[in-house]
């Protein structure tokens, strides 16, 4: 996990806590709408950073199953030609 993705995960946790705080404030007498706005902004930023900081999938392992199936099909075709 890259540093960017870790920061994004941290922002998501803080956003979740802000949403919980906002929900609790709505259940009490005085709603804190600022916490909802801050939670939305931090959540969006966290998701963006997590997507941006993702490592690309390993190219060799990416289509491993498909390659195995294709090689089996070729072996069966070669055996049927004989």
PDB file of N, CA and C in Angstrom:
ATOM      1  N   UNK A   1       0.848  -1.168   0.000  1.00  0.00           N
ATOM      2  CA  UNK A   1       0.000   0.000   0.000  1.00  0.00           C
ATOM      3  C   UNK A   1       0.897   1.235   0.000  1.00  0.00           C
ATOM      4  N   UNK A   2       0.664   2.107  -0.941  1.00  0.00           N
ATOM      5  CA  UNK A   2       1.495   3.302  -1.033  1.00  0.00           C
ATOM      6  C   UNK A   2       1.080   4.325   0.017  1.00  0.00           C
ATOM      7  N   UNK A   3       1.913   5.335   0.182  1.00  0.00           N
ATOM      8  CA  UNK A   3       1.624   6.383   1.158  1.00  0.00           C
ATOM      9  C   UNK A   3       0.347   7.127   0.791  1.00  0.00           C
ATOM     10  N   UNK A   4       0.134   7.356  -0.494  1.00  0.00           N
ATOM     11  CA  UNK A   4      -1.067   8.062  -0.940  1.00  0.00           C
ATOM     12  C   UNK A   4      -2.314   7.276  -0.573  1.00  0.00           C
ATOM     13  N   UNK A   5      -2.281   5.972  -0.765  1.00  0.00           N
ATOM     14  CA  UNK A   5      -3.431   5.135  -0.422  1.00  0.00           C
ATOM     15  C   UNK A   5      -3.649   5.097   1.090  1.00  0.00           C
ATOM     16  N   UNK A   6      -2.577   5.117   1.858  1.00  0.00           N
ATOM     17  CA  UNK A   6      -2.717   5.130   3.318  1.00  0.00           C
ATOM     18  C   UNK A   6      -3.338   6.432   3.803  1.00  0.00           C
ATOM     19  N   UNK A   7      -2.935   7.536   3.210  1.00  0.00           N
ATOM     20  CA  UNK A   7      -3.532   8.822   3.572  1.00  0.00           C
ATOM     21  C   UNK A   7      -5.008   8.822   3.203  1.00  0.00           C
ATOM     22  N   UNK A   8      -5.333   8.246   2.055  1.00  0.00           N
ATOM     23  CA  UNK A   8      -6.733   8.136   1.644  1.00  0.00           C
ATOM     24  C   UNK A   8      -7.541   7.301   2.613  1.00  0.00           C
ATOM     25  N   UNK A   9      -6.971   6.196   3.097  1.00  0.00           N
ATOM     26  CA  UNK A   9      -7.665   5.365   4.076  1.00  0.00           C
ATOM     27  C   UNK A   9      -7.873   6.126   5.385  1.00  0.00           C
ATOM     28  N   UNK A  10      -6.884   6.914   5.776  1.00  0.00           N
ATOM     29  CA  UNK A  10      -7.021   7.741   6.980  1.00  0.00           C
ATOM     30  C   UNK A  10      -8.161   8.744   6.810  1.00  0.00           C
ATOM     31  N   UNK A  11      -8.239   9.392   5.651  1.00  0.00           N
ATOM     32  CA  UNK A  11      -9.316  10.348   5.403  1.00  0.00           C
ATOM     33  C   UNK A  11     -10.682   9.666   5.426  1.00  0.00           C
ATOM     34  N   UNK A  12     -10.747   8.436   4.941  1.00  0.00           N
ATOM     35  CA  UNK A  12     -12.021   7.705   4.980  1.00  0.00           C
ATOM     36  C   UNK A  12     -12.444   7.407   6.414  1.00  0.00           C
ATOM     37  N   UNK A  13     -11.494   7.054   7.254  1.00  0.00           N
ATOM     38  CA  UNK A  13     -11.822   6.787   8.658  1.00  0.00           C
ATOM     39  C   UNK A  13     -12.289   8.057   9.346  1.00  0.00           C
ATOM     40  N   UNK A  14     -11.604   9.161   9.103  1.00  0.00           N
ATOM     41  CA  UNK A  14     -12.003  10.438   9.707  1.00  0.00           C
ATOM     42  C   UNK A  14     -13.380  10.858   9.182  1.00  0.00           C
ATOM     43  N   UNK A  15     -13.639  10.635   7.895  1.00  0.00           N
ATOM     44  CA  UNK A  15     -14.941  10.980   7.319  1.00  0.00           C
ATOM     45  C   UNK A  15     -16.043  10.148   7.965  1.00  0.00           C
ATOM     46  N   UNK A  16     -15.777   8.856   8.183  1.00  0.00           N
ATOM     47  CA  UNK A  16     -16.771   8.006   8.834  1.00  0.00           C
ATOM     48  C   UNK A  16     -17.070   8.513  10.244  1.00  0.00           C
ATOM     49  N   UNK A  17     -16.030   8.889  10.967  1.00  0.00           N
ATOM     50  CA  UNK A  17     -16.236   9.427  12.317  1.00  0.00           C
ATOM     51  C   UNK A  17     -17.030  10.735  12.269  1.00  0.00           C
ATOM     52  N   UNK A  18     -16.783  11.563  11.256  1.00  0.00           N
ATOM     53  CA  UNK A  18     -17.554  12.801  11.105  1.00  0.00           C
ATOM     54  C   UNK A  18     -19.021  12.508  10.815  1.00  0.00           C
ATOM     55  N   UNK A  19     -19.287  11.472  10.002  1.00  0.00           N
ATOM     56  CA  UNK A  19     -20.672  11.104   9.728  1.00  0.00           C
ATOM     57  C   UNK A  19     -21.374  10.603  10.991  1.00  0.00           C
ATOM     58  N   UNK A  20     -20.658   9.845  11.814  1.00  0.00           N
ATOM     59  CA  UNK A  20     -21.230   9.373  13.077  1.00  0.00           C
ATOM     60  C   UNK A  20     -21.512  10.548  13.995  1.00  0.00           C
ATOM     61  N   UNK A  21     -20.587  11.489  14.065  1.00  0.00           N
ATOM     62  CA  UNK A  21     -20.785  12.681  14.882  1.00  0.00           C
ATOM     63  C   UNK A  21     -21.965  13.499  14.377  1.00  0.00           C
ATOM     64  N   UNK A  22     -22.089  13.618  13.066  1.00  0.00           N
ATOM     65  CA  UNK A  22     -23.205  14.360  12.492  1.00  0.00           C
ATOM     66  C   UNK A  22     -24.531  13.674  12.806  1.00  0.00           C
ATOM     67  N   UNK A  23     -24.573  12.348  12.686  1.00  0.00           N
ATOM     68  CA  UNK A  23     -25.788  11.599  13.009  1.00  0.00           C
ATOM     69  C   UNK A  23     -26.162  11.791  14.478  1.00  0.00           C
ATOM     70  N   UNK A  24     -25.164  11.735  15.353  1.00  0.00           N
ATOM     71  CA  UNK A  24     -25.423  11.929  16.778  1.00  0.00           C
ATOM     72  C   UNK A  24     -25.921  13.341  17.059  1.00  0.00           C
ATOM     73  N   UNK A  25     -25.403  14.320  16.342  1.00  0.00           N
ATOM     74  CA  UNK A  25     -25.850  15.686  16.573  1.00  0.00           C
ATOM     75  C   UNK A  25     -27.266  15.910  16.036  1.00  0.00           C
ATOM     76  N   UNK A  26     -27.645  15.189  14.985  1.00  0.00           N
ATOM     77  CA  UNK A  26     -29.019  15.286  14.493  1.00  0.00           C
ATOM     78  C   UNK A  26     -30.000  14.633  15.468  1.00  0.00           C
ATOM     79  N   UNK A  27     -29.552  13.596  16.163  1.00  0.00           N
ATOM     80  CA  UNK A  27     -30.422  12.935  17.142  1.00  0.00           C
ATOM     81  C   UNK A  27     -30.610  13.809  18.384  1.00  0.00           C
ATOM     82  N   UNK A  28     -29.624  14.657  18.665  1.00  0.00           N
ATOM     83  CA  UNK A  28     -29.766  15.570  19.803  1.00  0.00           C
ATOM     84  C   UNK A  28     -30.433  16.850  19.307  1.00  0.00           C
ATOM     85  N   UNK A  29     -30.368  17.898  20.094  1.00  0.00           N
ATOM     86  CA  UNK A  29     -31.099  19.126  19.761  1.00  0.00           C
ATOM     87  C   UNK A  29     -30.453  19.956  18.658  1.00  0.00           C
ATOM     88  N   UNK A  30     -29.135  20.035  18.622  1.00  0.00           N
ATOM     89  CA  UNK A  30     -28.493  20.933  17.670  1.00  0.00           C
ATOM     90  C   UNK A  30     -27.707  20.210  16.596  1.00  0.00           C
ATOM     91  N   UNK A  31     -28.234  20.144  15.387  1.00  0.00           N
ATOM     92  CA  UNK A  31     -27.491  19.447  14.325  1.00  0.00           C
ATOM     93  C   UNK A  31     -26.252  20.235  13.896  1.00  0.00           C
ATOM     94  N   UNK A  32     -25.178  19.531  13.677  1.00  0.00           N
ATOM     95  CA  UNK A  32     -23.932  20.131  13.206  1.00  0.00           C
ATOM     96  C   UNK A  32     -23.771  19.802  11.722  1.00  0.00           C
ATOM     97  N   UNK A  33     -24.255  20.689  10.879  1.00  0.00           N
ATOM     98  CA  UNK A  33     -24.228  20.453   9.437  1.00  0.00           C
ATOM     99  C   UNK A  33     -22.803  20.556   8.908  1.00  0.00           C
ATOM    100  N   UNK A  34     -21.963  21.302   9.575  1.00  0.00           N
ATOM    101  CA  UNK A  34     -20.566  21.440   9.139  1.00  0.00           C
ATOM    102  C   UNK A  34     -19.846  20.092   9.171  1.00  0.00           C
ATOM    103  N   UNK A  35     -20.178  19.250  10.150  1.00  0.00           N
ATOM    104  CA  UNK A  35     -19.537  17.935  10.202  1.00  0.00           C
ATOM    105  C   UNK A  35     -19.956  17.070   9.022  1.00  0.00           C
ATOM    106  N   UNK A  36     -21.189  17.228   8.567  1.00  0.00           N
ATOM    107  CA  UNK A  36     -21.639  16.491   7.384  1.00  0.00           C
ATOM    108  C   UNK A  36     -20.863  16.947   6.153  1.00  0.00           C
ATOM    109  N   UNK A  37     -20.683  18.254   6.008  1.00  0.00           N
ATOM    110  CA  UNK A  37     -19.933  18.785   4.865  1.00  0.00           C
ATOM    111  C   UNK A  37     -18.467  18.347   4.913  1.00  0.00           C
ATOM    112  N   UNK A  38     -17.859  18.439   6.072  1.00  0.00           N
ATOM    113  CA  UNK A  38     -16.459  18.038   6.215  1.00  0.00           C
ATOM    114  C   UNK A  38     -16.307  16.543   5.966  1.00  0.00           C
ATOM    115  N   UNK A  39     -17.236  15.741   6.467  1.00  0.00           N
ATOM    116  CA  UNK A  39     -17.191  14.307   6.246  1.00  0.00           C
ATOM    117  C   UNK A  39     -17.326  13.948   4.777  1.00  0.00           C
ATOM    118  N   UNK A  40     -18.197  14.656   4.064  1.00  0.00           N
ATOM    119  CA  UNK A  40     -18.375  14.406   2.637  1.00  0.00           C
ATOM    120  C   UNK A  40     -17.111  14.761   1.864  1.00  0.00           C
ATOM    121  N   UNK A  41     -16.520  15.877   2.186  1.00  0.00           N
ATOM    122  CA  UNK A  41     -15.306  16.312   1.488  1.00  0.00           C
ATOM    123  C   UNK A  41     -14.146  15.344   1.773  1.00  0.00           C
ATOM    124  N   UNK A  42     -13.972  14.988   3.049  1.00  0.00           N
ATOM    125  CA  UNK A  42     -12.883  14.075   3.402  1.00  0.00           C
ATOM    126  C   UNK A  42     -13.109  12.677   2.820  1.00  0.00           C
ATOM    127  N   UNK A  43     -14.357  12.232   2.792  1.00  0.00           N
ATOM    128  CA  UNK A  43     -14.653  10.932   2.198  1.00  0.00           C
ATOM    129  C   UNK A  43     -14.346  10.905   0.714  1.00  0.00           C
ATOM    130  N   UNK A  44     -14.746  11.964   0.014  1.00  0.00           N
ATOM    131  CA  UNK A  44     -14.456  12.045  -1.420  1.00  0.00           C
ATOM    132  C   UNK A  44     -12.952  12.103  -1.675  1.00  0.00           C
ATOM    133  N   UNK A  45     -12.251  12.899  -0.900  1.00  0.00           N
ATOM    134  CA  UNK A  45     -10.802  12.998  -1.043  1.00  0.00           C
ATOM    135  C   UNK A  45     -10.124  11.669  -0.710  1.00  0.00           C
ATOM    136  N   UNK A  46     -10.620  10.990   0.309  1.00  0.00           N
ATOM    137  CA  UNK A  46     -10.054   9.691   0.679  1.00  0.00           C
ATOM    138  C   UNK A  46     -10.228   8.651  -0.410  1.00  0.00           C
ATOM    139  N   UNK A  47     -11.415   8.596  -1.012  1.00  0.00           N
ATOM    140  CA  UNK A  47     -11.651   7.649  -2.105  1.00  0.00           C
ATOM    141  C   UNK A  47     -10.758   7.977  -3.291  1.00  0.00           C
ATOM    142  N   UNK A  48     -10.643   9.262  -3.612  1.00  0.00           N
ATOM    143  CA  UNK A  48      -9.779   9.676  -4.733  1.00  0.00           C
ATOM    144  C   UNK A  48      -8.329   9.270  -4.485  1.00  0.00           C
ATOM    145  N   UNK A  49      -7.829   9.517  -3.283  1.00  0.00           N
ATOM    146  CA  UNK A  49      -6.439   9.185  -2.979  1.00  0.00           C
ATOM    147  C   UNK A  49      -6.202   7.671  -2.958  1.00  0.00           C
ATOM    148  N   UNK A  50      -7.198   6.920  -2.501  1.00  0.00           N
ATOM    149  CA  UNK A  50      -7.030   5.467  -2.495  1.00  0.00           C
ATOM    150  C   UNK A  50      -7.002   4.912  -3.916  1.00  0.00           C
ATOM    151  N   UNK A  51      -7.828   5.452  -4.786  1.00  0.00           N
ATOM    152  CA  UNK A  51      -7.834   4.998  -6.183  1.00  0.00           C
ATOM    153  C   UNK A  51      -6.544   5.420  -6.875  1.00  0.00           C
ATOM    154  N   UNK A  52      -6.109   6.658  -6.626  1.00  0.00           N
ATOM    155  CA  UNK A  52      -4.891   7.158  -7.255  1.00  0.00           C
ATOM    156  C   UNK A  52      -3.656   6.416  -6.765  1.00  0.00           C
ATOM    157  N   UNK A  53      -3.642   6.007  -5.501  1.00  0.00           N
ATOM    158  CA  UNK A  53      -2.469   5.365  -4.910  1.00  0.00           C
ATOM    159  C   UNK A  53      -2.429   3.863  -5.086  1.00  0.00           C
ATOM    160  N   UNK A  54      -3.365   3.311  -5.816  1.00  0.00           N
ATOM    161  CA  UNK A  54      -3.389   1.872  -6.036  1.00  0.00           C
ATOM    162  C   UNK A  54      -2.211   1.424  -6.870  1.00  0.00           C
ATOM    163  N   UNK A  55      -1.689   0.264  -6.553  1.00  0.00           N
ATOM    164  CA  UNK A  55      -0.634  -0.316  -7.378  1.00  0.00           C
ATOM    165  C   UNK A  55      -1.292  -1.060  -8.532  1.00  0.00           C
ATOM    166  N   UNK A  56      -0.727  -0.981  -9.723  1.00  0.00           N
ATOM    167  CA  UNK A  56      -1.321  -1.716 -10.842  1.00  0.00           C
ATOM    168  C   UNK A  56      -1.169  -3.217 -10.622  1.00  0.00           C
ATOM    169  N   UNK A  57      -2.118  -3.990 -11.120  1.00  0.00           N
ATOM    170  CA  UNK A  57      -2.017  -5.440 -10.924  1.00  0.00           C
ATOM    171  C   UNK A  57      -0.817  -6.016 -11.642  1.00  0.00           C
ATOM    172  N   UNK A  58      -0.305  -7.099 -11.112  1.00  0.00           N
ATOM    173  CA  UNK A  58       0.851  -7.768 -11.689  1.00  0.00           C
ATOM    174  C   UNK A  58       0.480  -8.297 -13.071  1.00  0.00           C
ATOM    175  N   UNK A  59       1.249  -7.950 -14.084  1.00  0.00           N
ATOM    176  CA  UNK A  59       0.929  -8.314 -15.451  1.00  0.00           C
ATOM    177  C   UNK A  59       0.962  -9.802 -15.710  1.00  0.00           C
ATOM    178  N   UNK A  60       1.864 -10.502 -15.055  1.00  0.00           N
ATOM    179  CA  UNK A  60       1.980 -11.933 -15.294  1.00  0.00           C
ATOM    180  C   UNK A  60       0.836 -12.707 -14.652  1.00  0.00           C
ATOM    181  N   UNK A  61       0.407 -12.296 -13.500  1.00  0.00           N
ATOM    182  CA  UNK A  61      -0.651 -13.016 -12.797  1.00  0.00           C
ATOM    183  C   UNK A  61      -2.046 -12.534 -13.208  1.00  0.00           C
ATOM    184  N   UNK A  62      -2.090 -11.523 -14.024  1.00  0.00           N
ATOM    185  CA  UNK A  62      -3.366 -10.896 -14.337  1.00  0.00           C
ATOM    186  C   UNK A  62      -4.305 -11.835 -15.094  1.00  0.00           C
ATOM    187  N   UNK A  63      -3.810 -12.499 -16.122  1.00  0.00           N
ATOM    188  CA  UNK A  63      -4.640 -13.378 -16.930  1.00  0.00           C
ATOM    189  C   UNK A  63      -4.153 -14.823 -16.850  1.00  0.00           C
ATOM    190  N   UNK A  64      -3.669 -15.235 -15.691  1.00  0.00           N
ATOM    191  CA  UNK A  64      -3.102 -16.558 -15.521  1.00  0.00           C
ATOM    192  C   UNK A  64      -4.115 -17.657 -15.841  1.00  0.00           C
ATOM    193  N   UNK A  65      -5.320 -17.543 -15.325  1.00  0.00           N
ATOM    194  CA  UNK A  65      -6.335 -18.570 -15.554  1.00  0.00           C
ATOM    195  C   UNK A  65      -6.707 -18.646 -17.018  1.00  0.00           C
ATOM    196  N   UNK A  66      -6.824 -17.494 -17.644  1.00  0.00           N
ATOM    197  CA  UNK A  66      -7.182 -17.476 -19.059  1.00  0.00           C
ATOM    198  C   UNK A  66      -6.085 -18.112 -19.912  1.00  0.00           C
ATOM    199  N   UNK A  67      -4.834 -17.841 -19.582  1.00  0.00           N
ATOM    200  CA  UNK A  67      -3.729 -18.442 -20.330  1.00  0.00           C
ATOM    201  C   UNK A  67      -3.709 -19.963 -20.155  1.00  0.00           C
ATOM    202  N   UNK A  68      -3.972 -20.429 -18.944  1.00  0.00           N
ATOM    203  CA  UNK A  68      -4.011 -21.868 -18.713  1.00  0.00           C
ATOM    204  C   UNK A  68      -5.122 -22.520 -19.524  1.00  0.00           C
ATOM    205  N   UNK A  69      -6.287 -21.900 -19.564  1.00  0.00           N
ATOM    206  CA  UNK A  69      -7.386 -22.456 -20.345  1.00  0.00           C
ATOM    207  C   UNK A  69      -7.071 -22.454 -21.831  1.00  0.00           C
ATOM    208  N   UNK A  70      -6.436 -21.391 -22.307  1.00  0.00           N
ATOM    209  CA  UNK A  70      -6.091 -21.307 -23.730  1.00  0.00           C
ATOM    210  C   UNK A  70      -5.059 -22.377 -24.096  1.00  0.00           C
ATOM    211  N   UNK A  71      -4.081 -22.616 -23.218  1.00  0.00           N
ATOM    212  CA  UNK A  71      -3.063 -23.631 -23.523  1.00  0.00           C
ATOM    213  C   UNK A  71      -3.679 -25.026 -23.507  1.00  0.00           C
ATOM    214  N   UNK A  72      -4.636 -25.271 -22.633  1.00  0.00           N
ATOM    215  CA  UNK A  72      -5.314 -26.569 -22.617  1.00  0.00           C
ATOM    216  C   UNK A  72      -6.115 -26.772 -23.900  1.00  0.00           C
ATOM    217  N   UNK A  73      -6.788 -25.702 -24.359  1.00  0.00           N
ATOM    218  CA  UNK A  73      -7.549 -25.802 -25.604  1.00  0.00           C
ATOM    219  C   UNK A  73      -6.627 -26.105 -26.781  1.00  0.00           C
ATOM    220  N   UNK A  74      -5.459 -25.484 -26.797  1.00  0.00           N
ATOM    221  CA  UNK A  74      -4.512 -25.729 -27.892  1.00  0.00           C
ATOM    222  C   UNK A  74      -3.987 -27.163 -27.845  1.00  0.00           C
ATOM    223  N   UNK A  75      -3.737 -27.674 -26.631  1.00  0.00           N
ATOM    224  CA  UNK A  75      -3.269 -29.056 -26.501  1.00  0.00           C
ATOM    225  C   UNK A  75      -4.336 -30.037 -26.982  1.00  0.00           C
ATOM    226  N   UNK A  76      -5.579 -29.764 -26.654  1.00  0.00           N
ATOM    227  CA  UNK A  76      -6.675 -30.644 -27.088  1.00  0.00           C
ATOM    228  C   UNK A  76      -6.824 -30.601 -28.601  1.00  0.00           C
ATOM    229  N   UNK A  77      -6.688 -29.392 -29.184  1.00  0.00           N
ATOM    230  CA  UNK A  77      -6.772 -29.262 -30.647  1.00  0.00           C
ATOM    231  C   UNK A  77      -5.645 -30.025 -31.340  1.00  0.00           C
ATOM    232  N   UNK A  78      -4.441 -29.947 -30.769  1.00  0.00           N
ATOM    233  CA  UNK A  78      -3.298 -30.646 -31.362  1.00  0.00           C
ATOM    234  C   UNK A  78      -3.483 -32.168 -31.272  1.00  0.00           C
ATOM    235  N   UNK A  79      -4.033 -32.635 -30.176  1.00  0.00           N
ATOM    236  CA  UNK A  79      -4.257 -34.072 -30.010  1.00  0.00           C
ATOM    237  C   UNK A  79      -5.351 -34.564 -30.949  1.00  0.00           C
ATOM    238  N   UNK A  80      -6.348 -33.757 -31.180  1.00  0.00           N
ATOM    239  CA  UNK A  80      -7.444 -34.170 -32.079  1.00  0.00           C
ATOM    240  C   UNK A  80      -7.008 -34.154 -33.545  1.00  0.00           C
ATOM    241  N   UNK A  81      -6.001 -33.352 -33.885  1.00  0.00           N
ATOM    242  CA  UNK A  81      -5.488 -33.306 -35.251  1.00  0.00           C
ATOM    243  C   UNK A  81      -4.694 -34.558 -35.580  1.00  0.00           C
ATOM    244  N   UNK A  82      -4.166 -35.242 -34.636  1.00  0.00           N
ATOM    245  CA  UNK A  82      -3.322 -36.429 -34.859  1.00  0.00           C
ATOM    246  C   UNK A  82      -4.128 -37.609 -35.220  1.00  0.00           C
TER     247      UNK A  82
END
